[in-house]
Protein backbone atom coordinates (compact mmCIF):
# COMPACT_ATOMS: atom_id res chain seq x y z
CA UNK A 1 23.33 -1.19 34.36
CA UNK A 2 20.31 -2.86 33.39
CA UNK A 3 20.76 -5.27 30.36
CA UNK A 4 18.65 -3.52 27.54
CA UNK A 5 20.40 -0.70 28.50
CA UNK A 6 23.55 -1.88 26.49
CA UNK A 7 21.76 -2.90 23.29
CA UNK A 8 22.56 -0.25 20.82
CA UNK A 9 20.00 0.47 17.66
CA UNK A 10 22.18 -0.20 14.19
CA UNK A 11 21.10 -0.15 10.54
CA UNK A 12 20.79 -2.65 8.52
CA UNK A 13 17.65 -4.97 9.28
CA UNK A 14 17.76 -8.63 8.84
CA UNK A 15 21.19 -8.23 7.02
CA UNK A 16 22.92 -6.30 10.66
CA UNK A 17 24.03 -9.69 11.31
CA UNK A 18 27.11 -11.30 10.19
CA UNK A 19 26.43 -13.80 7.19
CA UNK A 20 22.88 -12.80 6.10
CA UNK A 21 21.96 -11.40 3.13
CA UNK A 22 18.48 -10.63 1.23
CA UNK A 23 16.81 -9.71 -2.06
CA UNK A 24 13.31 -8.74 -3.08
CA UNK A 25 11.99 -8.63 -7.01
CA UNK A 26 8.30 -7.82 -8.44
CA UNK A 27 6.54 -10.11 -9.58
CA UNK A 28 3.10 -8.55 -10.39
CA UNK A 29 1.93 -11.54 -7.70
CA UNK A 30 -1.15 -9.34 -7.61
CA UNK A 31 -1.14 -7.02 -10.07
CA UNK A 32 1.47 -7.72 -12.68
CA UNK A 33 1.16 -4.21 -13.55
CA UNK A 34 2.62 -2.73 -10.29
CA UNK A 35 5.99 -2.64 -10.11
CA UNK A 36 5.96 -3.15 -6.48
CA UNK A 37 8.59 -5.63 -4.32
CA UNK A 38 6.66 -8.43 -3.66
CA UNK A 39 8.88 -11.71 -3.79
CA UNK A 40 12.05 -11.20 -0.93
CA UNK A 41 14.27 -13.76 0.37
CA UNK A 42 16.50 -14.13 3.20
CA UNK A 43 19.70 -16.45 3.26
CA UNK A 44 22.73 -17.11 5.31
CA UNK A 45 25.81 -18.40 4.04
CA UNK A 46 26.14 -20.78 6.74
CA UNK A 47 23.66 -23.43 8.58
CA UNK A 48 21.25 -21.96 11.05
CA UNK A 49 19.61 -23.00 14.04
CA UNK A 50 15.96 -22.28 13.67
CA UNK A 51 12.70 -21.76 15.70
CA UNK A 52 9.24 -20.08 14.97
CA UNK A 53 5.66 -20.09 16.04
CA UNK A 54 2.87 -20.16 13.63
CA UNK A 55 -1.06 -19.25 13.75
CA UNK A 56 -3.44 -21.00 16.30
CA UNK A 57 -6.10 -20.99 13.20
CA UNK A 58 -7.55 -24.55 12.46
CA UNK A 59 -7.55 -22.84 8.85
CA UNK A 60 -3.41 -22.84 7.88
CA UNK A 61 -2.15 -21.70 4.69
CA UNK A 62 0.13 -24.40 2.50
CA UNK A 63 3.15 -22.24 3.36
CA UNK A 64 2.68 -22.22 7.24
CA UNK A 65 2.33 -26.12 7.10
CA UNK A 66 5.10 -26.17 4.89
CA UNK A 67 7.32 -24.54 7.01
CA UNK A 68 6.18 -25.81 10.13
CA UNK A 69 7.23 -29.27 9.20
CA UNK A 70 10.63 -27.87 8.21
CA UNK A 71 11.51 -26.02 11.35
CA UNK A 72 10.38 -28.99 13.03
CA UNK A 73 13.92 -30.10 11.25
CA UNK A 74 15.91 -27.42 12.76
CA UNK A 75 17.94 -27.51 9.15
CA UNK A 76 16.08 -24.26 7.36
CA UNK A 77 18.56 -21.50 6.05
CA UNK A 78 17.09 -19.06 4.23
CA UNK A 79 13.33 -18.33 3.55
CA UNK A 80 11.32 -17.11 1.12
CA UNK A 81 8.21 -14.83 1.22
CA UNK A 82 5.69 -12.71 -0.94
CA UNK A 83 2.78 -10.77 -0.76
CA UNK A 84 -0.10 -10.48 -2.13
CA UNK A 85 -1.55 -14.19 -2.14
CA UNK A 86 -1.72 -15.82 1.03
CA UNK A 87 -1.61 -19.42 -0.49
CA UNK A 88 -4.31 -20.47 1.83
CA UNK A 89 -7.34 -22.77 0.82
CA UNK A 90 -5.88 -24.15 -2.08
CA UNK A 91 -5.33 -27.43 -1.05
CA UNK A 92 -3.14 -29.62 -2.77
CA UNK A 93 -2.08 -27.09 -5.58
CA UNK A 94 -1.49 -24.95 -2.71
CA UNK A 95 1.18 -26.96 -1.09
CA UNK A 96 2.90 -28.30 -4.15
CA UNK A 97 3.36 -24.61 -4.96
CA UNK A 98 5.35 -23.69 -1.67
CA UNK A 99 7.34 -26.77 -1.68
CA UNK A 100 7.89 -26.03 -5.86
CA UNK A 101 9.20 -22.59 -4.14
CA UNK A 102 11.14 -24.14 -2.00
CA UNK A 103 12.89 -26.24 -4.20
CA UNK A 104 13.57 -23.73 -6.82
CA UNK A 105 15.25 -21.39 -4.25
CA UNK A 106 17.00 -24.07 -2.77
CA UNK A 107 18.84 -25.30 -5.99
CA UNK A 108 19.64 -22.13 -6.91
CA UNK A 109 21.42 -21.61 -3.54
CA UNK A 110 23.09 -25.11 -3.48
CA UNK A 111 20.76 -26.29 -0.13
CA UNK A 112 18.13 -28.96 0.42
CA UNK A 113 14.65 -28.13 0.00
CA UNK A 114 13.59 -28.17 3.44
CA UNK A 115 16.51 -25.59 4.15
CA UNK A 116 14.09 -22.63 2.45
CA UNK A 117 11.14 -22.15 4.64
CA UNK A 118 8.18 -20.73 2.79
CA UNK A 119 6.25 -17.33 3.56
CA UNK A 120 2.85 -15.72 2.27
CA UNK A 121 0.30 -12.66 3.11
CA UNK A 122 -2.30 -11.60 0.57
CA UNK A 123 -5.79 -12.50 -0.37
CA UNK A 124 -7.08 -15.80 0.95
CA UNK A 125 -8.48 -18.52 -1.79
CA UNK A 126 -6.60 -17.66 -4.54
CA UNK A 127 -4.09 -20.08 -6.26
CA UNK A 128 -0.60 -18.43 -6.88
CA UNK A 129 -0.09 -17.33 -10.04
CA UNK A 130 2.98 -19.63 -10.19
CA UNK A 131 4.04 -18.18 -13.92
CA UNK A 132 4.72 -15.04 -13.22
CA UNK A 133 6.59 -16.14 -9.26
CA UNK A 134 8.83 -19.28 -10.95
CA UNK A 135 10.57 -17.25 -13.47
CA UNK A 136 11.35 -14.55 -10.87
CA UNK A 137 13.08 -17.24 -8.18
CA UNK A 138 16.25 -17.39 -9.90
CA UNK A 139 16.78 -13.54 -9.75
CA UNK A 140 15.85 -13.65 -6.42
CA UNK A 141 18.81 -15.45 -5.40
CA UNK A 142 21.35 -13.80 -7.86
CA UNK A 143 20.45 -10.37 -6.78
CA UNK A 144 21.32 -11.51 -2.93
CA UNK A 145 23.53 -8.82 -1.08
CA UNK A 146 24.36 -7.81 2.69
CA UNK A 147 22.75 -4.13 2.12
CA UNK A 148 19.08 -5.25 0.99
CA UNK A 149 17.69 -6.18 4.66
CA UNK A 150 15.08 -3.04 3.73
CA UNK A 151 13.69 -4.29 0.21
CA UNK A 152 12.83 -7.24 2.49
CA UNK A 153 10.92 -5.15 4.57
CA UNK A 154 9.26 -2.99 1.83
CA UNK A 155 8.32 -6.43 -0.42
CA UNK A 156 5.99 -8.03 2.38
CA UNK A 157 3.92 -5.26 3.52
CA UNK A 158 0.28 -5.42 2.35
CA UNK A 159 -1.88 -3.22 3.56
CA UNK A 160 0.93 -1.72 5.75
CA UNK A 161 1.27 2.04 4.81
CA UNK A 162 5.35 1.81 6.24
CA UNK A 163 8.60 -1.06 6.16
CA UNK A 164 8.69 -1.96 9.83
CA UNK A 165 12.45 -3.11 10.44
CA UNK A 166 15.27 -2.70 13.33
CA UNK A 167 18.61 -3.98 13.98
CA UNK A 168 20.24 -3.81 17.50
CA UNK A 169 23.90 -4.80 18.77
CA UNK A 170 25.36 -5.84 22.21
CA UNK A 171 27.55 -8.05 24.09
CA UNK A 172 27.35 -11.82 25.02
CA UNK A 173 30.15 -11.91 27.45
CA UNK A 174 33.34 -10.97 25.10
CA UNK A 175 31.35 -11.34 22.16
CA UNK A 176 29.13 -8.20 20.15
CA UNK A 177 26.21 -10.46 18.94
CA UNK A 178 23.24 -8.44 16.64
CA UNK A 179 19.93 -9.40 15.79
CA UNK A 180 18.11 -7.73 13.02
CA UNK A 181 14.14 -7.66 11.92
CA UNK A 182 11.25 -7.16 9.75
CA UNK A 183 7.88 -7.32 10.17
CA UNK A 184 4.43 -6.55 8.59
CA UNK A 185 0.89 -6.64 9.58
CA UNK A 186 -1.69 -3.79 9.48
CA UNK A 187 -4.72 -5.64 9.61
CA UNK A 188 -6.59 -9.16 10.84
CA UNK A 189 -4.35 -8.91 14.15
CA UNK A 190 -5.45 -10.40 17.12
CA UNK A 191 -3.76 -11.64 19.76
CA UNK A 192 -2.39 -15.52 19.70
CA UNK A 193 -0.19 -15.14 16.66
CA UNK A 194 -1.65 -12.18 15.16
CA UNK A 195 -1.42 -12.11 11.62
CA UNK A 196 1.45 -11.15 10.61
CA UNK A 197 4.89 -11.75 9.81
CA UNK A 198 7.92 -11.57 11.26
CA UNK A 199 11.66 -12.85 9.96
CA UNK A 200 14.73 -12.34 12.70
CA UNK A 201 17.99 -12.79 12.46
CA UNK A 202 21.20 -13.20 14.43
CA UNK A 203 25.04 -13.98 14.37
CA UNK A 204 24.59 -15.76 17.84
CA UNK A 205 25.35 -19.22 18.47
CA UNK A 206 22.62 -20.68 20.35
CA UNK A 207 21.08 -24.39 21.22
CA UNK A 208 17.75 -25.38 19.66
CA UNK A 209 16.07 -25.78 23.16
CA UNK A 210 17.68 -21.71 24.27
CA UNK A 211 16.34 -20.07 21.02
CA UNK A 212 13.00 -22.04 21.10
CA UNK A 213 11.66 -21.05 24.33
CA UNK A 214 13.31 -17.23 23.68
CA UNK A 215 11.16 -17.31 20.62
CA UNK A 216 8.36 -18.49 22.49
CA UNK A 217 8.40 -16.25 25.58
CA UNK A 218 9.02 -13.47 23.15
CA UNK A 219 5.80 -13.99 21.36
CA UNK A 220 3.67 -13.78 23.99
CA UNK A 221 5.09 -11.07 25.40
CA UNK A 222 4.79 -9.33 21.82
CA UNK A 223 2.26 -10.86 19.14
CA UNK A 224 0.32 -12.46 21.23
CA UNK A 225 -0.43 -8.84 23.29
CA UNK A 226 -1.86 -6.46 20.26
CA UNK A 227 -5.12 -6.28 18.56
CA UNK A 228 -6.35 -3.94 15.76
CA UNK A 229 -9.46 -5.98 14.67
CA UNK A 230 -10.29 -8.73 16.45
CA UNK A 231 -9.56 -11.57 13.32
CA UNK A 232 -6.87 -14.20 13.27
CA UNK A 233 -5.50 -15.48 9.96
CA UNK A 234 -4.42 -18.37 8.22
CA UNK A 235 -0.73 -17.33 7.99
CA UNK A 236 0.72 -15.95 10.78
CA UNK A 237 4.32 -16.82 11.47
CA UNK A 238 7.47 -15.85 13.11
CA UNK A 239 10.91 -17.50 12.44
CA UNK A 240 14.23 -17.06 13.82
CA UNK A 241 17.61 -17.90 12.44
CA UNK A 242 20.68 -18.10 14.14
CA UNK A 243 23.87 -18.87 12.43
CA UNK A 244 26.92 -18.33 15.06
CA UNK A 245 28.83 -15.79 12.71
CA UNK A 246 29.61 -13.80 16.02
CA UNK A 247 31.78 -16.35 17.13
CA UNK A 248 31.21 -16.85 20.58
CA UNK A 249 30.66 -20.38 21.97
CA UNK A 250 27.35 -21.49 21.99
CA UNK A 251 24.57 -20.45 24.35
CA UNK A 252 22.91 -23.06 26.54
CA UNK A 253 19.49 -22.81 27.63
CA UNK A 254 19.24 -21.60 31.06
CA UNK A 255 22.39 -19.74 30.92
CA UNK A 256 22.89 -15.93 31.66
CA UNK A 257 23.81 -15.64 28.27
CA UNK A 258 20.59 -17.46 27.47
CA UNK A 259 18.63 -15.13 29.38
CA UNK A 260 20.36 -11.77 27.60
CA UNK A 261 19.43 -13.43 24.59
CA UNK A 262 15.76 -14.03 25.67
CA UNK A 263 15.79 -10.53 26.72
CA UNK A 264 17.24 -8.74 23.38
CA UNK A 265 14.88 -11.17 21.34
CA UNK A 266 11.95 -9.77 23.17
CA UNK A 267 12.67 -6.26 23.01
CA UNK A 268 13.16 -6.41 18.96
CA UNK A 269 9.61 -8.49 18.83
CA UNK A 270 8.17 -5.75 21.47
CA UNK A 271 9.06 -3.28 19.01
CA UNK A 272 8.06 -4.58 16.01
CA UNK A 273 4.53 -5.59 17.56
CA UNK A 274 3.89 -2.35 18.54
CA UNK A 275 4.60 -0.73 15.37
CA UNK A 276 2.32 -2.94 13.52
CA UNK A 277 -0.79 -1.43 15.67
CA UNK A 278 0.33 2.44 15.19
CA UNK A 279 -0.01 1.03 11.71
CA UNK A 280 -3.06 -0.34 12.20
CA UNK A 281 -5.32 0.11 9.07
CA UNK A 282 -6.68 3.55 9.38
CA UNK A 283 -6.34 3.48 13.21
CA UNK A 284 -5.55 6.80 14.59
CA UNK A 285 -5.16 5.78 18.35
CA UNK A 286 -2.41 3.55 20.23
CA UNK A 287 -3.86 2.35 23.45
CA UNK A 288 -2.29 0.28 25.90
CA UNK A 289 -5.05 -1.66 28.26
CA UNK A 290 -3.08 -2.77 31.18
CA UNK A 291 -4.88 -4.95 33.77
CA UNK A 292 -4.37 -4.67 37.85
CA UNK A 293 -5.06 -6.66 40.41
CA UNK A 294 -6.69 -9.94 39.14
CA UNK A 295 -7.31 -12.85 41.06
CA UNK A 296 -5.26 -15.16 38.35
CA UNK A 297 -3.31 -14.57 35.45
CA UNK A 298 -5.80 -16.02 33.30
CA UNK A 299 -7.98 -13.36 34.72
CA UNK A 300 -5.88 -10.64 33.56
CA UNK A 301 -5.67 -11.29 30.29
CA UNK A 302 -9.51 -12.12 29.68
CA UNK A 303 -10.32 -8.93 30.93
CA UNK A 304 -7.25 -7.35 28.83
CA UNK A 305 -8.31 -8.95 25.62
CA UNK A 306 -12.34 -8.11 26.18
CA UNK A 307 -11.60 -4.61 26.64
CA UNK A 308 -9.32 -4.33 23.53
CA UNK A 309 -11.34 -6.27 21.59
CA UNK A 310 -14.39 -4.50 21.88
CA UNK A 311 -15.66 -2.65 18.77
CA UNK A 312 -18.19 -0.29 21.20
CA UNK A 313 -14.76 0.95 23.25
CA UNK A 314 -13.05 0.69 20.34
CA UNK A 315 -15.35 2.74 18.48
CA UNK A 316 -15.42 5.17 21.29
CA UNK A 317 -11.69 5.67 21.53
CA UNK A 318 -12.13 7.00 17.31
CA UNK A 319 -14.62 9.60 19.04
CA UNK A 320 -12.40 10.90 21.92
CA UNK A 321 -15.29 9.68 24.34
CA UNK A 322 -13.90 8.59 27.52
CA UNK A 323 -16.77 6.19 27.73
CA UNK A 324 -15.86 3.95 31.16
CA UNK A 325 -19.13 2.55 31.05
CA UNK A 326 -18.68 0.43 27.47
CA UNK A 327 -15.50 -0.81 29.65
CA UNK A 328 -16.43 -1.73 32.36
CA UNK A 329 -19.32 -3.75 30.49
CA UNK A 330 -16.68 -5.52 28.89
CA UNK A 331 -14.68 -6.26 31.87
CA UNK A 332 -17.90 -7.84 33.44
CA UNK A 333 -18.95 -9.95 30.50
CA UNK A 334 -15.04 -11.51 29.86
CA UNK A 335 -15.56 -14.19 32.21
CA UNK A 336 -13.05 -13.64 34.30
CA UNK A 337 -13.50 -13.28 38.81
CA UNK A 338 -14.40 -10.04 39.46
CA UNK A 339 -16.56 -7.79 41.59
CA UNK A 340 -18.13 -4.87 40.63
CA UNK A 341 -18.22 -2.53 43.57
CA UNK A 342 -14.26 -3.12 43.31
CA UNK A 343 -13.73 -1.91 39.83
CA UNK A 344 -11.36 1.22 39.53
CA UNK A 345 -10.40 1.85 35.72
CA UNK A 346 -7.82 5.10 35.25
CA UNK A 347 -7.04 6.99 32.43
CA UNK A 348 -3.34 7.77 31.41
CA UNK A 349 -3.47 7.89 35.21
CA UNK A 350 -7.00 10.22 36.05
CA UNK A 351 -9.39 8.38 37.53
CA UNK A 352 -12.68 7.23 35.66
CA UNK A 353 -14.47 4.89 37.72
CA UNK A 354 -13.71 4.27 41.19
CA UNK A 355 -15.37 0.78 43.27
CA UNK A 356 -17.78 0.56 39.84
CA UNK A 357 -18.77 4.23 40.20
CA UNK A 358 -18.33 7.26 38.02
CA UNK A 359 -15.30 9.11 39.71
CA UNK A 360 -15.13 12.75 40.33
CA UNK A 361 -12.65 13.66 37.34
CA UNK A 362 -14.09 16.43 35.03
CA UNK A 363 -15.35 14.42 32.27
CA UNK A 364 -13.85 17.09 29.90
CA UNK A 365 -10.33 16.04 31.64
CA UNK A 366 -11.09 12.75 30.82
CA UNK A 367 -11.75 13.77 26.82
CA UNK A 368 -8.98 15.69 26.28
CA UNK A 369 -6.93 12.64 27.44
CA UNK A 370 -8.75 10.21 24.51
CA UNK A 371 -8.18 13.18 22.16
CA UNK A 372 -4.61 12.41 21.95
CA UNK A 373 -2.95 9.06 19.50
CA UNK A 374 -1.92 7.53 22.31
CA UNK A 375 -2.78 6.63 25.85
CA UNK A 376 -3.22 3.91 28.57
CA UNK A 377 -6.42 2.31 29.86
CA UNK A 378 -5.27 0.77 34.07
CA UNK A 379 -8.31 -1.43 35.22
CA UNK A 380 -7.71 -2.48 38.87
CA UNK A 381 -9.91 -5.73 39.59
CA UNK A 382 -8.36 -5.85 43.74
CA UNK A 383 -9.21 -9.34 44.02
CA UNK A 384 -5.35 -10.50 43.71
CA UNK A 385 -1.84 -9.39 42.30
CA UNK A 386 -2.05 -10.72 38.54
CA UNK A 387 -1.22 -8.32 36.01
CA UNK A 388 -1.71 -8.54 32.16
CA UNK A 389 -0.86 -5.79 29.43
CA UNK A 390 -2.39 -6.04 25.73
CA UNK A 391 -1.83 -2.99 22.86
CA UNK A 392 -4.93 -2.14 20.77
CA UNK A 393 -6.03 0.52 18.54
CA UNK A 394 -9.24 2.49 17.92
CA UNK A 395 -11.78 1.11 15.12
CA UNK A 396 -12.50 4.03 12.44
CA UNK A 397 -15.53 4.13 9.90
CA UNK A 398 -12.45 4.51 7.20
CA UNK A 399 -11.66 1.01 8.18
CA UNK A 400 -14.75 -0.50 7.58
CA UNK A 401 -14.52 1.23 4.00
CA UNK A 402 -11.20 0.00 3.63
CA UNK A 403 -12.22 -3.82 4.00
CA UNK A 404 -15.40 -3.75 2.16
CA UNK A 405 -14.14 -5.56 -0.93
CA UNK A 406 -11.34 -7.58 -2.42
CA UNK A 407 -13.46 -7.94 -5.58
CA UNK A 408 -10.54 -6.37 -7.92
CA UNK A 409 -8.18 -9.28 -6.62
CA UNK A 410 -10.60 -12.08 -7.61
CA UNK A 411 -11.07 -10.37 -11.25
CA UNK A 412 -7.20 -10.37 -12.19
CA UNK A 413 -7.18 -13.67 -10.79
CA UNK A 414 -10.05 -14.77 -13.45
CA UNK A 415 -8.27 -13.02 -16.12
CA UNK A 416 -4.54 -15.20 -14.99
CA UNK A 417 -7.30 -18.20 -15.64
CA UNK A 418 -6.64 -19.27 -11.67
CA UNK A 419 -10.40 -19.23 -10.83
């Protein structure tokens, strides 16, 4: 039986694995009059092996810089996350605020400051409203409980319309292992660590090298394969904590158990990544772009990303237009090695373009496919055996309306005396 078939979905989110607790409170970070949850804490009651990946944007938010350093020390046992303010482009003050938050929470948990990772998401360029955040941190610690995973998933939402969480259980040898996760992201989504936060917990006992490799491979085949609007943020973060409370022996790199754990983490991340695209800001289509027959892996990636990120292609999807001409033109400018007369394009298996020319499939047939809320574009370059896949969406007029202004956030910041 394939290993994935043995995976069972369970409830609990990040609190599903043994030994993990969570909490979330309302701090009014973006708006002091809004009671929504916006400050969250994930905590393991025993030491963890930690691994993570972070944005490749050269402009990095303060919490990214702080958490990257803490993860390297491999002592992280808790994660504090907020929505409403990215704490990005905030200079020395932003670093100080991130460290201060970690320090206050660490003292409440009886940990060292470097054992608490910090993550933020929200508006870029505004100082953190620490006068509202600091008083809420002790409450956050006091509210820790084993059934609050859903609250964390809700607290990290920004423009998301729904919470995103998952938990699974599976056997590694003679031991039952659990993995829980939550994520956020709906806009500013593009490959190379898409704009999102994802926190994963597991009670597996695993070496640092095995876990880091598992995280890197899983991110590459999930979060690095999604795009909504072609933008990459300053705060992208994936953190995985493994506390070993399943009672199993430590998983070593290159072992069968390590491969199975990688597969399970990859399964969880891909589920989370696809959920981000489906909940993209004002999107109506979930589109898989798969490239086959490329000469090299890099060529396949270039073509898939060019098509998946094309504003023209995405706009045609929104209009239910099976415009393969826009697809092939994106293939052509992708800088991959392609030959026009060899390119085939299929939509849900129906040929739209064969050998670089219009196929005989009736346009109405293709239009009916593209009118669906989910379909697959397959591009065969007939140049080799390399393949690549990206998960994308359409681009709607409503997306533009939604993102036209963040003035209200700055107005509140002025009231707070932050700008």
